Amino acid sequence: MVISKGADYAILAVGYLASSTDNVNSRLVSQSELVANLNLPKEFLSQILHKLKAGGILQSVRGKREAIC
């Protein structure tokens, strides 16, 4: 089965976010952290994260330390 790069990157991002938390406490992760640790293109990842947020899969926090949880 072949999946698109976007789907592959989305799976990687969600997996990273899931692994960066435990069952009790969630941790905010910045887009820059995702880009650095997963070696993904920033602009493309931004589009993917927006789609995941619009779909209710992710939540984001705006501000000085904008992050994803």
C-alpha atoms as a PDB file:
ATOM      1  CA  MET A   1       0.000   0.000   0.000  1.00  0.00           C
ATOM      2  CA  VAL A   2       1.313   3.413  -0.940  1.00  0.00           C
ATOM      3  CA  ILE A   3       0.548   6.482   1.149  1.00  0.00           C
ATOM      4  CA  SER A   4       1.294  10.108   0.330  1.00  0.00           C
ATOM      5  CA  LYS A   5       4.170  12.024   1.869  1.00  0.00           C
ATOM      6  CA  GLY A   6       1.621  14.184   3.648  1.00  0.00           C
ATOM      7  CA  ALA A   7       0.012  11.165   5.290  1.00  0.00           C
ATOM      8  CA  ASP A   8       3.441   9.780   6.173  1.00  0.00           C
ATOM      9  CA  TYR A   9       4.505  13.090   7.756  1.00  0.00           C
ATOM     10  CA  ALA A  10       1.190  13.327   9.635  1.00  0.00           C
ATOM     11  CA  ILE A  11       1.712   9.849  11.088  1.00  0.00           C
ATOM     12  CA  LEU A  12       5.271  10.732  12.102  1.00  0.00           C
ATOM     13  CA  ALA A  13       4.153  13.988  13.746  1.00  0.00           C
ATOM     14  CA  VAL A  14       1.263  12.415  15.655  1.00  0.00           C
ATOM     15  CA  GLY A  15       3.510   9.537  16.732  1.00  0.00           C
ATOM     16  CA  TYR A  16       6.135  11.968  18.004  1.00  0.00           C
ATOM     17  CA  LEU A  17       3.512  13.957  19.894  1.00  0.00           C
ATOM     18  CA  ALA A  18       2.070  10.791  21.415  1.00  0.00           C
ATOM     19  CA  SER A  19       5.495   9.599  22.522  1.00  0.00           C
ATOM     20  CA  SER A  20       6.320  12.951  24.134  1.00  0.00           C
ATOM     21  CA  THR A  21       3.573  12.578  26.748  1.00  0.00           C
ATOM     22  CA  ASP A  22       2.531  10.099  29.379  1.00  0.00           C
ATOM     23  CA  ASN A  23      -1.005   9.139  30.333  1.00  0.00           C
ATOM     24  CA  VAL A  24      -1.225  11.787  33.059  1.00  0.00           C
ATOM     25  CA  ASN A  25       0.621  14.859  31.775  1.00  0.00           C
ATOM     26  CA  SER A  26       0.716  16.236  28.281  1.00  0.00           C
ATOM     27  CA  ARG A  27       3.682  18.275  27.110  1.00  0.00           C
ATOM     28  CA  LEU A  28       3.549  21.096  24.614  1.00  0.00           C
ATOM     29  CA  VAL A  29       5.721  20.539  21.550  1.00  0.00           C
ATOM     30  CA  SER A  30       6.689  23.362  19.211  1.00  0.00           C
ATOM     31  CA  GLN A  31       6.584  23.084  15.453  1.00  0.00           C
ATOM     32  CA  SER A  32      10.314  23.862  15.453  1.00  0.00           C
ATOM     33  CA  GLU A  33      10.922  20.838  17.686  1.00  0.00           C
ATOM     34  CA  LEU A  34       8.983  18.618  15.286  1.00  0.00           C
ATOM     35  CA  VAL A  35      10.923  19.966  12.302  1.00  0.00           C
ATOM     36  CA  ALA A  36      14.270  19.487  14.038  1.00  0.00           C
ATOM     37  CA  ASN A  37      13.638  16.013  15.455  1.00  0.00           C
ATOM     38  CA  LEU A  38      11.745  14.520  12.521  1.00  0.00           C
ATOM     39  CA  ASN A  39      13.746  16.305   9.803  1.00  0.00           C
ATOM     40  CA  LEU A  40      10.609  17.435   7.954  1.00  0.00           C
ATOM     41  CA  PRO A  41      10.104  20.488   5.715  1.00  0.00           C
ATOM     42  CA  LYS A  42       8.718  23.313   7.873  1.00  0.00           C
ATOM     43  CA  GLU A  43       6.226  24.740   5.359  1.00  0.00           C
ATOM     44  CA  PHE A  44       4.746  21.355   4.470  1.00  0.00           C
ATOM     45  CA  LEU A  45       4.545  20.318   8.116  1.00  0.00           C
ATOM     46  CA  SER A  46       2.728  23.561   8.913  1.00  0.00           C
ATOM     47  CA  GLN A  47       0.017  22.687   6.374  1.00  0.00           C
ATOM     48  CA  ILE A  48      -0.285  19.162   7.738  1.00  0.00           C
ATOM     49  CA  LEU A  49      -0.552  20.343  11.345  1.00  0.00           C
ATOM     50  CA  HIS A  50      -3.241  22.838  10.327  1.00  0.00           C
ATOM     51  CA  LYS A  51      -5.270  20.008   8.744  1.00  0.00           C
ATOM     52  CA  LEU A  52      -4.835  17.834  11.837  1.00  0.00           C
ATOM     53  CA  LYS A  53      -5.985  20.719  14.032  1.00  0.00           C
ATOM     54  CA  ALA A  54      -8.992  21.411  11.790  1.00  0.00           C
ATOM     55  CA  GLY A  55      -9.884  17.719  11.993  1.00  0.00           C
ATOM     56  CA  GLY A  56      -9.833  17.794  15.794  1.00  0.00           C
ATOM     57  CA  ILE A  57      -6.823  15.490  16.100  1.00  0.00           C
ATOM     58  CA  LEU A  58      -4.514  18.154  17.555  1.00  0.00           C
ATOM     59  CA  GLN A  59      -4.880  21.243  19.683  1.00  0.00           C
ATOM     60  CA  SER A  60      -2.610  24.249  19.435  1.00  0.00           C
ATOM     61  CA  VAL A  61      -1.692  27.013  21.826  1.00  0.00           C
ATOM     62  CA  ARG A  62      -0.973  30.489  20.539  1.00  0.00           C
ATOM     63  CA  GLY A  63       1.450  32.895  22.114  1.00  0.00           C
ATOM     64  CA  LYS A  64       5.127  33.512  22.583  1.00  0.00           C
ATOM     65  CA  ARG A  65       5.780  29.773  22.782  1.00  0.00           C
ATOM     66  CA  GLU A  66       3.241  28.605  20.212  1.00  0.00           C
ATOM     67  CA  ALA A  67       2.961  24.862  20.573  1.00  0.00           C
ATOM     68  CA  ILE A  68       1.003  21.775  19.700  1.00  0.00           C
ATOM     69  CA  CYS A  69      -0.466  19.193  22.036  1.00  0.00           C
END
